Protein backbone atom coordinates (compact mmCIF):
# COMPACT_ATOMS: atom_id res chain seq x y z
CA UNK A 1 0.00 0.00 0.00
CA UNK A 2 1.31 3.47 -0.94
CA UNK A 3 1.79 5.85 1.98
CA UNK A 4 -0.44 8.92 1.71
CA UNK A 5 1.63 12.07 2.28
CA UNK A 6 -1.02 14.50 0.97
CA UNK A 7 -2.55 15.28 4.37
CA UNK A 8 0.91 15.93 5.81
CA UNK A 9 2.06 18.46 3.20
CA UNK A 10 0.59 21.47 5.00
CA UNK A 11 0.10 20.13 8.54
CA UNK A 12 2.51 21.71 11.07
CA UNK A 13 2.63 18.62 13.31
CA UNK A 14 1.82 14.95 13.26
CA UNK A 15 0.53 14.09 16.74
CA UNK A 16 -0.07 10.58 18.03
CA UNK A 17 -1.44 9.39 21.38
CA UNK A 18 -1.14 5.75 22.43
CA UNK A 19 -2.93 4.27 25.42
CA UNK A 20 -0.77 1.75 27.26
CA UNK A 21 -1.22 -0.73 30.10
CA UNK A 22 1.08 -3.01 32.10
CA UNK A 23 1.71 -6.26 30.27
CA UNK A 24 1.15 -8.17 33.51
CA UNK A 25 -0.55 -7.08 36.72
CA UNK A 26 -1.31 -3.46 37.53
CA UNK A 27 1.94 -2.02 38.89
CA UNK A 28 4.71 -0.29 36.95
CA UNK A 29 8.00 1.41 37.78
CA UNK A 30 8.56 4.93 36.38
CA UNK A 31 11.82 6.50 35.39
CA UNK A 32 13.84 8.01 38.24
CA UNK A 33 15.95 11.14 38.44
CA UNK A 34 19.04 11.79 40.61
CA UNK A 35 18.15 13.56 43.89
CA UNK A 36 14.48 13.52 42.87
CA UNK A 37 13.22 10.00 42.36
CA UNK A 38 9.97 9.55 40.49
CA UNK A 39 8.61 12.69 38.79
CA UNK A 40 5.17 13.06 40.40
CA UNK A 41 3.37 16.34 39.87
CA UNK A 42 -0.09 17.94 39.96
CA UNK A 43 -1.98 18.09 36.70
CA UNK A 44 -3.99 21.16 35.64
CA UNK A 45 -7.21 19.58 36.93
CA UNK A 46 -5.61 18.71 40.28
CA UNK A 47 -5.11 14.96 39.82
CA UNK A 48 -1.73 13.37 40.41
CA UNK A 49 0.41 12.88 37.31
CA UNK A 50 3.57 10.87 36.82
CA UNK A 51 6.26 11.06 34.16
CA UNK A 52 6.74 7.40 33.25
CA UNK A 53 9.40 8.01 30.60
CA UNK A 54 11.16 11.25 29.68
CA UNK A 55 11.72 12.76 26.24
CA UNK A 56 15.45 12.04 26.58
CA UNK A 57 14.95 8.34 27.30
CA UNK A 58 12.32 7.96 24.57
CA UNK A 59 14.76 9.46 22.07
CA UNK A 60 17.31 6.84 23.10
CA UNK A 61 14.75 4.07 22.68
CA UNK A 62 13.68 5.29 19.25
CA UNK A 63 17.30 5.06 18.16
CA UNK A 64 18.06 1.72 19.80
CA UNK A 65 15.26 -0.07 17.91
CA UNK A 66 16.88 1.04 14.65
CA UNK A 67 20.19 -0.67 15.38
CA UNK A 68 21.17 -4.31 14.85
CA UNK A 69 23.76 -4.70 17.60
CA UNK A 70 25.08 -8.19 16.77
CA UNK A 71 25.76 -7.14 13.17
CA UNK A 72 26.83 -3.59 14.04
CA UNK A 73 24.56 -2.13 11.38
CA UNK A 74 21.19 -0.57 10.80
CA UNK A 75 18.22 -2.89 10.87
CA UNK A 76 17.47 -4.20 7.38
CA UNK A 77 14.98 -1.53 6.30
CA UNK A 78 17.39 1.32 7.18
CA UNK A 79 20.58 0.06 5.57
CA UNK A 80 22.27 2.66 3.43
CA UNK A 81 21.62 5.60 5.76
CA UNK A 82 24.76 7.60 6.64
CA UNK A 83 26.34 7.46 10.08
CA UNK A 84 29.75 7.73 11.72
CA UNK A 85 31.35 4.71 13.38
CA UNK A 86 34.08 4.92 16.01
CA UNK A 87 36.49 1.98 15.85
CA UNK A 88 39.63 0.95 17.72
CA UNK A 89 43.12 0.54 16.24
CA UNK A 90 42.31 -3.03 15.20
CA UNK A 91 39.15 -1.93 13.39
CA UNK A 92 36.75 -3.29 16.02
CA UNK A 93 33.55 -1.29 16.63
CA UNK A 94 33.41 0.83 19.77
CA UNK A 95 30.36 3.06 19.29
CA UNK A 96 28.61 5.11 16.60
CA UNK A 97 26.48 8.22 16.16
CA UNK A 98 23.23 6.26 16.39
CA UNK A 99 24.12 5.01 19.88
CA UNK A 100 26.08 8.03 21.11
CA UNK A 101 24.02 10.30 23.39
CA UNK A 102 25.07 13.43 21.51
CA UNK A 103 25.40 11.95 18.02
CA UNK A 104 27.83 14.02 15.90
CA UNK A 105 28.69 16.01 19.02
CA UNK A 106 30.24 12.90 20.55
CA UNK A 107 33.57 13.59 22.30
CA UNK A 108 34.96 10.55 20.48
CA UNK A 109 34.62 12.63 17.32
CA UNK A 110 35.13 16.25 18.35
CA UNK A 111 37.69 15.70 21.15
CA UNK A 112 39.62 13.02 19.29
CA UNK A 113 43.23 14.22 19.02
CA UNK A 114 44.40 11.17 17.05
CA UNK A 115 41.76 11.20 14.30
CA UNK A 116 40.34 14.64 13.61
CA UNK A 117 38.80 13.73 10.25
CA UNK A 118 35.17 14.34 11.23
CA UNK A 119 35.97 17.50 13.16
CA UNK A 120 37.98 18.85 10.21
CA UNK A 121 35.21 17.87 7.80
CA UNK A 122 32.58 19.70 9.85
CA UNK A 123 34.79 22.74 10.25
CA UNK A 124 35.41 22.89 6.49
CA UNK A 125 31.82 22.34 5.39
CA UNK A 126 30.41 24.79 7.93
CA UNK A 127 33.18 27.39 7.73
CA UNK A 128 30.94 30.09 6.23
CA UNK A 129 28.94 30.20 9.49
CA UNK A 130 31.83 31.34 11.67
CA UNK A 131 30.29 34.82 11.55
CA UNK A 132 26.74 35.95 11.04
CA UNK A 133 23.51 34.00 11.33
CA UNK A 134 23.56 30.21 11.27
CA UNK A 135 22.25 28.83 7.99
CA UNK A 136 19.91 26.09 9.26
CA UNK A 137 19.37 24.70 5.76
CA UNK A 138 23.09 24.35 5.16
CA UNK A 139 23.58 22.75 8.57
CA UNK A 140 20.71 20.34 7.90
CA UNK A 141 22.22 19.40 4.55
CA UNK A 142 25.57 18.54 6.16
CA UNK A 143 23.93 16.54 8.95
CA UNK A 144 21.81 14.65 6.40
CA UNK A 145 25.00 13.80 4.52
CA UNK A 146 26.91 12.29 7.43
CA UNK A 147 24.41 11.39 10.18
CA UNK A 148 20.81 11.41 8.93
CA UNK A 149 19.44 10.13 12.24
CA UNK A 150 20.57 13.32 13.98
CA UNK A 151 18.17 15.37 11.85
CA UNK A 152 15.30 13.66 13.64
CA UNK A 153 16.61 13.64 17.20
CA UNK A 154 18.42 16.95 17.36
CA UNK A 155 22.02 18.08 17.50
CA UNK A 156 24.04 20.70 19.35
CA UNK A 157 27.60 21.05 18.11
CA UNK A 158 28.85 22.72 21.30
CA UNK A 159 32.37 23.30 20.08
CA UNK A 160 33.77 26.82 19.96
CA UNK A 161 35.75 26.15 16.78
CA UNK A 162 32.49 25.29 14.96
CA UNK A 163 30.68 28.60 14.43
CA UNK A 164 31.36 29.58 18.01
CA UNK A 165 29.33 26.65 19.36
CA UNK A 166 26.09 28.02 17.86
CA UNK A 167 25.20 25.10 15.58
CA UNK A 168 21.98 23.62 16.91
CA UNK A 169 19.09 21.61 15.50
CA UNK A 170 16.06 20.97 17.75
CA UNK A 171 14.28 17.64 17.77
CA UNK A 172 11.96 16.80 14.89
CA UNK A 173 10.49 13.71 16.57
CA UNK A 174 9.87 13.70 20.30
CA UNK A 175 8.00 11.52 22.74
CA UNK A 176 7.22 11.03 26.42
CA UNK A 177 4.96 8.80 28.52
CA UNK A 178 2.68 10.09 31.27
CA UNK A 179 0.35 8.40 33.76
CA UNK A 180 -2.73 10.08 35.17
CA UNK A 181 -4.41 9.80 38.59
CA UNK A 182 -1.52 7.73 39.95
CA UNK A 183 -1.35 5.96 43.30
CA UNK A 184 1.73 4.60 45.06
CA UNK A 185 2.10 0.83 45.35
CA UNK A 186 4.55 0.48 48.24
CA UNK A 187 6.54 -2.72 48.70
CA UNK A 188 9.99 -3.88 49.74
CA UNK A 189 12.24 -6.79 50.47
CA UNK A 190 15.48 -7.95 52.05
CA UNK A 191 18.87 -8.70 50.53
CA UNK A 192 19.86 -11.82 52.46
CA UNK A 193 23.38 -12.79 53.44
CA UNK A 194 23.32 -16.54 54.19
CA UNK A 195 26.91 -16.54 55.47
CA UNK A 196 27.10 -13.49 57.72
CA UNK A 197 23.68 -11.85 58.25
CA UNK A 198 25.14 -9.21 60.57
CA UNK A 199 28.08 -8.36 58.32
CA UNK A 200 29.16 -4.83 57.35
CA UNK A 201 26.48 -3.64 54.95
CA UNK A 202 28.62 -0.78 53.60
CA UNK A 203 30.86 -3.42 52.02
CA UNK A 204 28.00 -5.51 50.67
CA UNK A 205 27.71 -7.99 53.54
CA UNK A 206 24.80 -8.63 55.91
CA UNK A 207 21.03 -8.63 55.56
CA UNK A 208 19.78 -5.37 54.05
CA UNK A 209 16.05 -4.50 54.12
CA UNK A 210 14.83 -2.06 51.50
CA UNK A 211 11.63 -0.40 50.32
CA UNK A 212 10.44 0.41 46.81
CA UNK A 213 7.68 2.50 45.31
CA UNK A 214 5.86 1.33 42.20
CA UNK A 215 2.71 2.98 40.88
CA UNK A 216 -0.73 2.17 39.54
CA UNK A 217 -2.78 4.35 37.19
CA UNK A 218 -6.04 4.01 35.25
CA UNK A 219 -4.48 5.82 32.27
CA UNK A 220 -0.96 5.61 30.81
CA UNK A 221 -0.38 7.53 27.58
CA UNK A 222 2.57 7.71 25.21
CA UNK A 223 2.70 10.94 23.20
CA UNK A 224 4.56 11.29 19.90
CA UNK A 225 5.16 14.55 18.02
CA UNK A 226 6.66 14.79 14.53
CA UNK A 227 7.44 18.39 13.58
CA UNK A 228 6.47 18.41 9.90
CA UNK A 229 6.98 22.16 9.60
CA UNK A 230 10.59 21.78 10.72
CA UNK A 231 11.19 19.02 8.19
CA UNK A 232 9.91 21.28 5.42
CA UNK A 233 11.93 24.15 6.85
CA UNK A 234 15.16 22.27 6.23
CA UNK A 235 14.56 22.94 2.52
CA UNK A 236 16.03 19.61 1.48
CA UNK A 237 13.45 18.69 -1.14
CA UNK A 238 10.55 16.31 -1.47
CA UNK A 239 12.56 13.08 -1.51
CA UNK A 240 14.35 13.93 1.74
CA UNK A 241 11.14 15.14 3.38
CA UNK A 242 9.38 11.86 2.64
CA UNK A 243 12.35 9.85 3.87
CA UNK A 244 12.52 11.76 7.16
CA UNK A 245 8.77 11.38 7.76
CA UNK A 246 8.79 7.63 7.09
CA UNK A 247 11.99 7.21 9.15
CA UNK A 248 10.29 8.97 12.08
CA UNK A 249 7.14 6.86 11.73
CA UNK A 250 9.20 3.69 11.60
CA UNK A 251 10.85 4.65 14.89
CA UNK A 252 7.44 5.16 16.50
CA UNK A 253 6.06 1.85 15.25
CA UNK A 254 9.23 -0.03 16.23
CA UNK A 255 9.24 1.37 19.77
CA UNK A 256 5.58 0.48 20.24
CA UNK A 257 6.22 -3.09 19.05
CA UNK A 258 9.68 -3.82 20.46
CA UNK A 259 10.66 -1.07 22.91
CA UNK A 260 8.03 -0.87 25.65
CA UNK A 261 9.89 -2.99 28.20
CA UNK A 262 11.20 0.17 29.79
CA UNK A 263 12.51 -1.52 32.94
CA UNK A 264 12.24 -4.90 34.62
CA UNK A 265 9.18 -3.67 36.53
CA UNK A 266 7.79 -1.52 33.70
CA UNK A 267 6.72 -3.70 30.79
CA UNK A 268 3.89 -2.09 28.82
CA UNK A 269 1.73 -2.91 25.81
CA UNK A 270 -0.47 -0.93 23.43
CA UNK A 271 -4.20 -0.74 24.07
CA UNK A 272 -5.21 1.88 21.51
CA UNK A 273 -3.47 4.21 19.05
CA UNK A 274 -4.97 7.49 17.84
CA UNK A 275 -3.61 10.05 15.38
CA UNK A 276 -4.94 13.34 16.77
CA UNK A 277 -3.44 15.62 14.07
CA UNK A 278 -4.10 15.68 11.21
CA UNK A 279 -7.45 14.20 12.16
CA UNK A 280 -8.35 11.01 10.32
CA UNK A 281 -4.85 10.26 9.02
CA UNK A 282 -3.90 6.60 9.30
CA UNK A 283 -0.51 5.68 10.73
CA UNK A 284 1.00 3.04 8.41
CA UNK A 285 1.86 -0.36 9.83
CA UNK A 286 5.50 -1.20 10.47
CA UNK A 287 5.51 -3.60 7.50
CA UNK A 288 4.37 -0.80 5.17
CA UNK A 289 7.09 1.52 6.45
CA UNK A 290 9.74 -1.20 6.08
CA UNK A 291 8.62 -1.77 2.51
CA UNK A 292 8.83 1.96 1.68
CA UNK A 293 12.15 2.83 3.34
CA UNK A 294 14.66 1.15 0.96
CA UNK A 295 13.20 2.98 -2.05
CA UNK A 296 13.16 6.31 -0.22
CA UNK A 297 16.77 5.85 0.90
CA UNK A 298 17.80 4.94 -2.65
CA UNK A 299 16.03 8.04 -4.05
CA UNK A 300 17.91 10.40 -1.71
CA UNK A 301 21.18 8.59 -2.37
CA UNK A 302 20.60 9.02 -6.12
CA UNK A 303 20.40 12.78 -5.58
CA UNK A 304 23.94 12.67 -4.16
CA UNK A 305 22.81 13.81 -0.70
CA UNK A 306 24.67 11.12 1.27
CA UNK A 307 28.36 10.77 2.03
CA UNK A 308 30.25 8.30 -0.12
CA UNK A 309 30.73 5.81 1.41
CA UNK A 310 27.72 6.25 3.68
CA UNK A 311 29.65 4.98 6.72
CA UNK A 312 32.37 7.35 7.92
CA UNK A 313 34.91 5.67 10.21
CA UNK A 314 36.97 7.35 12.91
CA UNK A 315 39.66 5.65 14.99
CA UNK A 316 39.75 6.12 18.76
CA UNK A 317 43.08 5.07 20.25
CA UNK A 318 42.65 5.86 23.93
CA UNK A 319 40.66 2.89 25.17
CA UNK A 320 37.09 1.73 24.87
CA UNK A 321 34.54 4.52 25.50
CA UNK A 322 32.03 4.15 28.25
CA UNK A 323 28.46 3.27 27.33
CA UNK A 324 26.44 6.46 26.83
CA UNK A 325 23.01 5.23 25.79
CA UNK A 326 20.25 3.86 27.95
CA UNK A 327 18.35 5.64 30.69
CA UNK A 328 19.36 9.26 30.18
CA UNK A 329 17.25 11.70 32.12
CA UNK A 330 19.29 14.86 31.80
CA UNK A 331 19.70 17.61 29.24
CA UNK A 332 20.02 15.96 25.85
CA UNK A 333 21.50 17.22 22.58
CA UNK A 334 18.02 17.73 21.21
CA UNK A 335 17.03 20.18 23.93
């Protein structure tokens, strides 16, 4: 089935709301923040609200479902999209701009003293923005060329040598999960030490009682927002616009099908999906999006918009980088 883009050509946003429920039982564990814990707050009508998953973490999840870890490549439908891979001296994969929290702004690219190829490339291609206003269309074209994924999730090249650290792209696709009218489900347990129950707990010995707070809620909603106006504002042409829209929709479908086990005690499933804007538009199934993506990628590649080869490799010689993806509830490159 052909994807209908006509209703999206003038719409400023594509908005989707998805009703969720725990896969088993009634309790779920929300995301937690340092020095804060669960983000419970009062809604505008006075009922208790809870942030189940933040925009930062949902961005990570929408990227993770696009990556085939064992094969160190895009999932099948996305193969051919540009990205940057960081490898060690032996050519083994370390990380890449799909998995890096800050994408092209990764320190393994911009603070790499042994292989400055990507930094030098960015500095050269964006040199005319050292003074004056930032040309968003030019920046978007360069990001499309080397790290297409970053166009959807945002980028902040916070490096003084690159236009004074002013190169920023906000998120095109964003998401978060909220629960409404929440109640605390208090529980706890004991870590047992069968050898020395009265041992020094600071060193990991002894019996250690603990408490935990899960939650229940009659309504859990995942919200997705695709900024169609921003995609058009990049000025990259019809082929790129269609690719970015379908890429964003694939991420949403893939997260809803494969990425809702947010934590051990937070495993959710879809109850109902509703496209709220534009009203009446049907969200294509994942199979339809997978069928459309290879042709859309090939069309943009034929226009010469991607780097050649599409995978740019950078060598990091100072040891394996620490894992940066996962639960990231702090200011993200797309903010």
